[in-house]
């Protein structure tokens, strides 16, 4: 979704209304970040209207919002990559990759222990 939002802004904003490339890049960066945000609260409204289990839907929304905060942070950090020095960037990406692999390993062990 973030890439679709960014590409759509790039396509729709290329008509020349905004002559500044800085303004164009900030709009596409905003669209990218907006696409990273989790599901809107309107899902709970639809769930109540269609007699779904509202407690399950709302708790799922809260959990997904909580878990998506690191993803939103990393996505915002990724937008600054073109202006960063490559050496510290590679080190940081390796650290993030290692931390994510540890979390993934714990999650895999948890899932396998359940089944």
N, C-alpha and C. Protein backbone atom coordinates (compact mmCIF):
# COMPACT_ATOMS: atom_id res chain seq x y z
N UNK A 1 0.80 -1.20 0.00
CA UNK A 1 0.00 0.00 0.00
C UNK A 1 0.85 1.27 0.00
N UNK A 2 1.95 1.32 0.78
CA UNK A 2 2.74 2.55 0.74
C UNK A 2 3.30 2.84 -0.65
N UNK A 3 3.75 1.81 -1.32
CA UNK A 3 4.33 2.02 -2.65
C UNK A 3 3.26 2.45 -3.66
N UNK A 4 2.06 1.90 -3.52
CA UNK A 4 0.96 2.29 -4.41
C UNK A 4 0.62 3.77 -4.19
N UNK A 5 0.53 4.18 -2.93
CA UNK A 5 0.23 5.59 -2.63
C UNK A 5 1.30 6.51 -3.18
N UNK A 6 2.56 6.14 -2.98
CA UNK A 6 3.66 6.98 -3.48
C UNK A 6 3.65 7.06 -5.00
N UNK A 7 3.43 5.92 -5.67
CA UNK A 7 3.40 5.92 -7.13
C UNK A 7 2.21 6.71 -7.68
N UNK A 8 1.07 6.62 -7.01
CA UNK A 8 -0.09 7.38 -7.47
C UNK A 8 0.14 8.89 -7.35
N UNK A 9 0.79 9.31 -6.27
CA UNK A 9 1.10 10.74 -6.14
C UNK A 9 2.11 11.14 -7.20
N UNK A 10 3.08 10.28 -7.48
CA UNK A 10 4.04 10.59 -8.53
C UNK A 10 3.36 10.73 -9.89
N UNK A 11 2.40 9.86 -10.16
CA UNK A 11 1.70 9.93 -11.45
C UNK A 11 0.76 11.12 -11.54
N UNK A 12 0.00 11.35 -10.48
CA UNK A 12 -1.02 12.40 -10.52
C UNK A 12 -0.43 13.80 -10.37
N UNK A 13 0.70 13.91 -9.71
CA UNK A 13 1.27 15.22 -9.46
C UNK A 13 2.29 15.62 -10.51
N UNK A 14 2.45 14.83 -11.54
CA UNK A 14 3.45 15.15 -12.57
C UNK A 14 2.91 16.09 -13.64
N UNK A 15 1.72 16.61 -13.45
CA UNK A 15 1.12 17.47 -14.47
C UNK A 15 1.69 18.88 -14.48
N UNK A 16 2.42 19.26 -13.44
CA UNK A 16 3.04 20.58 -13.45
C UNK A 16 2.38 21.58 -12.53
N UNK A 17 1.40 21.16 -11.74
CA UNK A 17 0.78 22.10 -10.80
C UNK A 17 1.79 22.56 -9.76
N UNK A 18 2.63 21.63 -9.34
CA UNK A 18 3.68 21.98 -8.38
C UNK A 18 5.00 22.02 -9.13
N UNK A 19 5.52 23.19 -9.32
CA UNK A 19 6.76 23.30 -10.08
C UNK A 19 7.98 22.95 -9.23
N UNK A 20 7.85 22.97 -7.93
CA UNK A 20 8.98 22.69 -7.06
C UNK A 20 9.15 21.18 -6.89
N UNK A 21 10.36 20.69 -7.14
CA UNK A 21 10.62 19.26 -6.97
C UNK A 21 10.65 18.89 -5.50
N UNK A 22 11.03 19.84 -4.63
CA UNK A 22 11.02 19.57 -3.19
C UNK A 22 9.60 19.36 -2.70
N UNK A 23 8.67 20.17 -3.17
CA UNK A 23 7.27 20.01 -2.80
C UNK A 23 6.74 18.68 -3.31
N UNK A 24 7.12 18.31 -4.53
CA UNK A 24 6.66 17.04 -5.10
C UNK A 24 7.20 15.87 -4.31
N UNK A 25 8.47 15.91 -3.92
CA UNK A 25 9.05 14.80 -3.16
C UNK A 25 8.44 14.73 -1.76
N UNK A 26 8.12 15.85 -1.16
CA UNK A 26 7.51 15.80 0.17
C UNK A 26 6.08 15.26 0.09
N UNK A 27 5.37 15.56 -0.99
CA UNK A 27 4.03 14.98 -1.16
C UNK A 27 4.09 13.47 -1.33
N UNK A 28 5.04 13.00 -2.13
CA UNK A 28 5.13 11.56 -2.33
C UNK A 28 5.64 10.87 -1.07
N UNK A 29 6.50 11.51 -0.29
CA UNK A 29 6.93 10.93 0.98
C UNK A 29 5.77 10.86 1.97
N UNK A 30 4.94 11.91 1.99
CA UNK A 30 3.76 11.89 2.85
C UNK A 30 2.81 10.76 2.44
N UNK A 31 2.63 10.57 1.15
CA UNK A 31 1.75 9.49 0.68
C UNK A 31 2.31 8.13 1.08
N UNK A 32 3.63 7.99 1.01
CA UNK A 32 4.26 6.74 1.44
C UNK A 32 3.99 6.47 2.91
N UNK A 33 4.19 7.49 3.76
CA UNK A 33 3.95 7.31 5.19
C UNK A 33 2.47 7.07 5.49
N UNK A 34 1.61 7.74 4.75
CA UNK A 34 0.17 7.55 4.96
C UNK A 34 -0.25 6.12 4.62
N UNK A 35 0.40 5.51 3.64
CA UNK A 35 0.09 4.13 3.29
C UNK A 35 0.56 3.13 4.31
N UNK A 36 1.49 3.52 5.18
CA UNK A 36 2.02 2.61 6.20
C UNK A 36 1.08 2.53 7.40
N UNK A 37 0.28 3.55 7.61
CA UNK A 37 -0.59 3.57 8.79
C UNK A 37 -1.54 2.38 8.81
N UNK A 38 -1.87 1.87 9.99
CA UNK A 38 -2.75 0.70 10.08
C UNK A 38 -4.21 1.03 9.76
N UNK A 39 -5.04 0.03 9.87
CA UNK A 39 -6.45 0.13 9.52
C UNK A 39 -7.16 1.23 10.31
N UNK A 40 -8.04 1.91 9.64
CA UNK A 40 -8.79 2.99 10.26
C UNK A 40 -9.88 2.45 11.18
N UNK A 41 -10.37 3.27 12.11
CA UNK A 41 -11.43 2.83 13.02
C UNK A 41 -12.76 2.54 12.34
N UNK A 42 -12.89 2.85 11.08
CA UNK A 42 -14.15 2.56 10.40
C UNK A 42 -14.42 1.06 10.30
N UNK A 43 -13.39 0.24 10.46
CA UNK A 43 -13.58 -1.21 10.45
C UNK A 43 -14.49 -1.62 11.60
N UNK A 44 -14.35 -0.98 12.74
CA UNK A 44 -15.21 -1.30 13.89
C UNK A 44 -16.66 -0.90 13.59
N UNK A 45 -16.85 0.17 12.87
CA UNK A 45 -18.21 0.58 12.51
C UNK A 45 -18.85 -0.45 11.58
N UNK A 46 -18.08 -0.91 10.60
CA UNK A 46 -18.59 -1.96 9.71
C UNK A 46 -18.87 -3.25 10.46
N UNK A 47 -18.02 -3.58 11.40
CA UNK A 47 -18.22 -4.81 12.17
C UNK A 47 -19.49 -4.74 13.00
N UNK A 48 -19.77 -3.59 13.59
CA UNK A 48 -21.00 -3.47 14.37
C UNK A 48 -22.23 -3.47 13.48
N UNK A 49 -22.12 -2.91 12.29
CA UNK A 49 -23.26 -2.86 11.39
C UNK A 49 -23.61 -4.24 10.83
N UNK A 50 -22.59 -5.07 10.60
CA UNK A 50 -22.83 -6.39 10.03
C UNK A 50 -22.83 -7.51 11.08
N UNK A 51 -23.06 -7.14 12.34
CA UNK A 51 -23.21 -8.07 13.45
C UNK A 51 -22.02 -9.01 13.60
N UNK A 52 -20.83 -8.48 13.45
CA UNK A 52 -19.61 -9.25 13.69
C UNK A 52 -19.25 -9.09 15.16
N UNK A 53 -18.27 -9.85 15.61
CA UNK A 53 -17.84 -9.75 17.00
C UNK A 53 -17.00 -8.49 17.16
N UNK A 54 -17.60 -7.48 17.75
CA UNK A 54 -16.98 -6.17 17.85
C UNK A 54 -15.74 -6.19 18.74
N UNK A 55 -15.77 -7.00 19.80
CA UNK A 55 -14.64 -7.07 20.72
C UNK A 55 -13.40 -7.63 20.03
N UNK A 56 -13.60 -8.63 19.20
CA UNK A 56 -12.47 -9.24 18.49
C UNK A 56 -11.89 -8.26 17.47
N UNK A 57 -12.77 -7.58 16.75
CA UNK A 57 -12.32 -6.65 15.72
C UNK A 57 -11.57 -5.47 16.35
N UNK A 58 -12.12 -4.90 17.41
CA UNK A 58 -11.45 -3.74 18.02
C UNK A 58 -10.15 -4.14 18.70
N UNK A 59 -10.12 -5.30 19.34
CA UNK A 59 -8.85 -5.72 19.94
C UNK A 59 -7.80 -6.00 18.87
N UNK A 60 -8.23 -6.55 17.75
CA UNK A 60 -7.31 -6.76 16.63
C UNK A 60 -6.78 -5.45 16.08
N UNK A 61 -7.63 -4.42 16.03
CA UNK A 61 -7.19 -3.11 15.56
C UNK A 61 -6.17 -2.49 16.51
N UNK A 62 -6.41 -2.64 17.82
CA UNK A 62 -5.48 -2.09 18.80
C UNK A 62 -4.13 -2.81 18.72
N UNK A 63 -4.17 -4.13 18.60
CA UNK A 63 -2.93 -4.90 18.51
C UNK A 63 -2.18 -4.56 17.23
N UNK A 64 -2.90 -4.44 16.11
CA UNK A 64 -2.22 -4.12 14.85
C UNK A 64 -1.63 -2.72 14.89
N UNK A 65 -2.29 -1.78 15.54
CA UNK A 65 -1.74 -0.43 15.68
C UNK A 65 -0.49 -0.45 16.54
N UNK A 66 -0.52 -1.21 17.62
CA UNK A 66 0.63 -1.32 18.50
C UNK A 66 1.82 -1.96 17.79
N UNK A 67 1.55 -3.02 17.03
CA UNK A 67 2.62 -3.72 16.35
C UNK A 67 3.12 -2.99 15.11
N UNK A 68 2.32 -2.11 14.56
CA UNK A 68 2.75 -1.39 13.35
C UNK A 68 3.58 -0.15 13.68
N UNK A 69 3.67 0.24 14.93
CA UNK A 69 4.46 1.42 15.29
C UNK A 69 5.93 1.26 14.89
N UNK A 70 6.58 0.13 15.16
CA UNK A 70 7.97 0.01 14.69
C UNK A 70 8.08 0.03 13.17
N UNK A 71 7.11 -0.52 12.48
CA UNK A 71 7.13 -0.52 11.02
C UNK A 71 6.99 0.91 10.50
N UNK A 72 6.13 1.70 11.13
CA UNK A 72 5.99 3.09 10.72
C UNK A 72 7.28 3.87 10.98
N UNK A 73 7.94 3.58 12.09
CA UNK A 73 9.20 4.26 12.40
C UNK A 73 10.27 3.91 11.38
N UNK A 74 10.40 2.64 11.07
CA UNK A 74 11.40 2.20 10.10
C UNK A 74 11.09 2.78 8.72
N UNK A 75 9.82 2.84 8.36
CA UNK A 75 9.45 3.41 7.06
C UNK A 75 9.80 4.88 6.98
N UNK A 76 9.57 5.62 8.05
CA UNK A 76 9.95 7.03 8.06
C UNK A 76 11.47 7.17 8.00
N UNK A 77 12.17 6.27 8.66
CA UNK A 77 13.63 6.31 8.63
C UNK A 77 14.15 5.98 7.23
N UNK A 78 13.47 5.09 6.53
CA UNK A 78 13.90 4.71 5.19
C UNK A 78 13.79 5.86 4.19
N UNK A 79 12.92 6.80 4.46
CA UNK A 79 12.79 7.95 3.56
C UNK A 79 14.01 8.86 3.60
N UNK A 80 14.82 8.75 4.65
CA UNK A 80 16.01 9.60 4.77
C UNK A 80 17.25 8.94 4.19
N UNK A 81 17.14 7.75 3.64
CA UNK A 81 18.30 7.02 3.13
C UNK A 81 19.06 7.78 2.04
N UNK A 82 18.40 8.43 1.10
CA UNK A 82 19.18 9.12 0.06
C UNK A 82 20.14 10.19 0.58
N UNK A 83 19.93 10.70 1.77
CA UNK A 83 20.78 11.76 2.30
C UNK A 83 21.76 11.25 3.35
N UNK A 84 21.84 9.93 3.53
CA UNK A 84 22.70 9.36 4.57
C UNK A 84 24.04 8.91 4.02
N UNK A 85 25.02 8.82 4.93
CA UNK A 85 26.33 8.28 4.59
C UNK A 85 26.21 6.75 4.51
N UNK A 86 26.76 6.10 3.49
CA UNK A 86 26.54 4.66 3.30
C UNK A 86 27.11 3.75 4.39
N UNK A 87 28.26 4.08 4.98
CA UNK A 87 28.87 3.17 5.94
C UNK A 87 28.04 3.00 7.21
N UNK A 88 27.63 4.08 7.88
CA UNK A 88 26.76 3.86 9.05
C UNK A 88 25.41 3.26 8.67
N UNK A 89 24.97 3.54 7.46
CA UNK A 89 23.69 3.00 7.00
C UNK A 89 23.74 1.48 6.93
N UNK A 90 24.81 0.94 6.38
CA UNK A 90 24.96 -0.51 6.28
C UNK A 90 25.02 -1.13 7.67
N UNK A 91 25.73 -0.50 8.58
CA UNK A 91 25.82 -1.01 9.96
C UNK A 91 24.45 -1.03 10.62
N UNK A 92 23.72 0.05 10.48
CA UNK A 92 22.39 0.13 11.09
C UNK A 92 21.43 -0.89 10.47
N UNK A 93 21.49 -1.05 9.15
CA UNK A 93 20.63 -2.03 8.50
C UNK A 93 20.96 -3.44 8.96
N UNK A 94 22.22 -3.75 9.20
CA UNK A 94 22.59 -5.06 9.72
C UNK A 94 22.08 -5.25 11.14
N UNK A 95 22.13 -4.20 11.96
CA UNK A 95 21.61 -4.29 13.32
C UNK A 95 20.10 -4.51 13.32
N UNK A 96 19.41 -3.77 12.48
CA UNK A 96 17.95 -3.93 12.40
C UNK A 96 17.60 -5.32 11.89
N UNK A 97 18.33 -5.79 10.90
CA UNK A 97 18.09 -7.12 10.36
C UNK A 97 18.32 -8.19 11.42
N UNK A 98 19.35 -8.05 12.22
CA UNK A 98 19.62 -9.01 13.28
C UNK A 98 18.52 -8.99 14.34
N UNK A 99 18.09 -7.79 14.74
CA UNK A 99 17.03 -7.69 15.75
C UNK A 99 15.72 -8.27 15.24
N UNK A 100 15.39 -8.02 13.98
CA UNK A 100 14.16 -8.57 13.42
C UNK A 100 14.24 -10.09 13.33
N UNK A 101 15.42 -10.62 13.02
CA UNK A 101 15.56 -12.07 12.94
C UNK A 101 15.40 -12.72 14.30
N UNK A 102 15.84 -12.06 15.37
CA UNK A 102 15.65 -12.60 16.72
C UNK A 102 14.17 -12.63 17.07
N UNK A 103 13.48 -11.55 16.79
CA UNK A 103 12.04 -11.50 17.07
C UNK A 103 11.31 -12.55 16.24
N UNK A 104 11.69 -12.71 15.00
CA UNK A 104 11.07 -13.71 14.14
C UNK A 104 11.33 -15.12 14.65
N UNK A 105 12.53 -15.36 15.11
CA UNK A 105 12.86 -16.68 15.65
C UNK A 105 12.03 -17.01 16.88
N UNK A 106 11.85 -16.03 17.75
CA UNK A 106 11.00 -16.23 18.93
C UNK A 106 9.57 -16.51 18.51
N UNK A 107 9.07 -15.78 17.52
CA UNK A 107 7.70 -15.99 17.05
C UNK A 107 7.54 -17.36 16.41
N UNK A 108 8.54 -17.82 15.65
CA UNK A 108 8.46 -19.15 15.03
C UNK A 108 8.45 -20.23 16.09
N UNK A 109 9.29 -20.10 17.10
CA UNK A 109 9.31 -21.10 18.18
C UNK A 109 7.98 -21.11 18.91
N UNK A 110 7.40 -19.95 19.11
CA UNK A 110 6.08 -19.86 19.77
C UNK A 110 5.00 -20.55 18.93
N UNK A 111 5.00 -20.28 17.64
CA UNK A 111 3.99 -20.89 16.77
C UNK A 111 4.18 -22.40 16.70
N UNK A 112 5.42 -22.85 16.58
CA UNK A 112 5.67 -24.29 16.52
C UNK A 112 5.36 -24.99 17.83
N UNK A 113 5.54 -24.30 18.94
CA UNK A 113 5.22 -24.92 20.23
C UNK A 113 3.72 -25.06 20.43
N UNK A 114 2.94 -24.18 19.81
CA UNK A 114 1.48 -24.30 19.92
C UNK A 114 0.97 -25.48 19.13
N UNK A 115 1.53 -25.70 17.96
CA UNK A 115 1.07 -26.78 17.11
C UNK A 115 1.93 -27.98 17.34
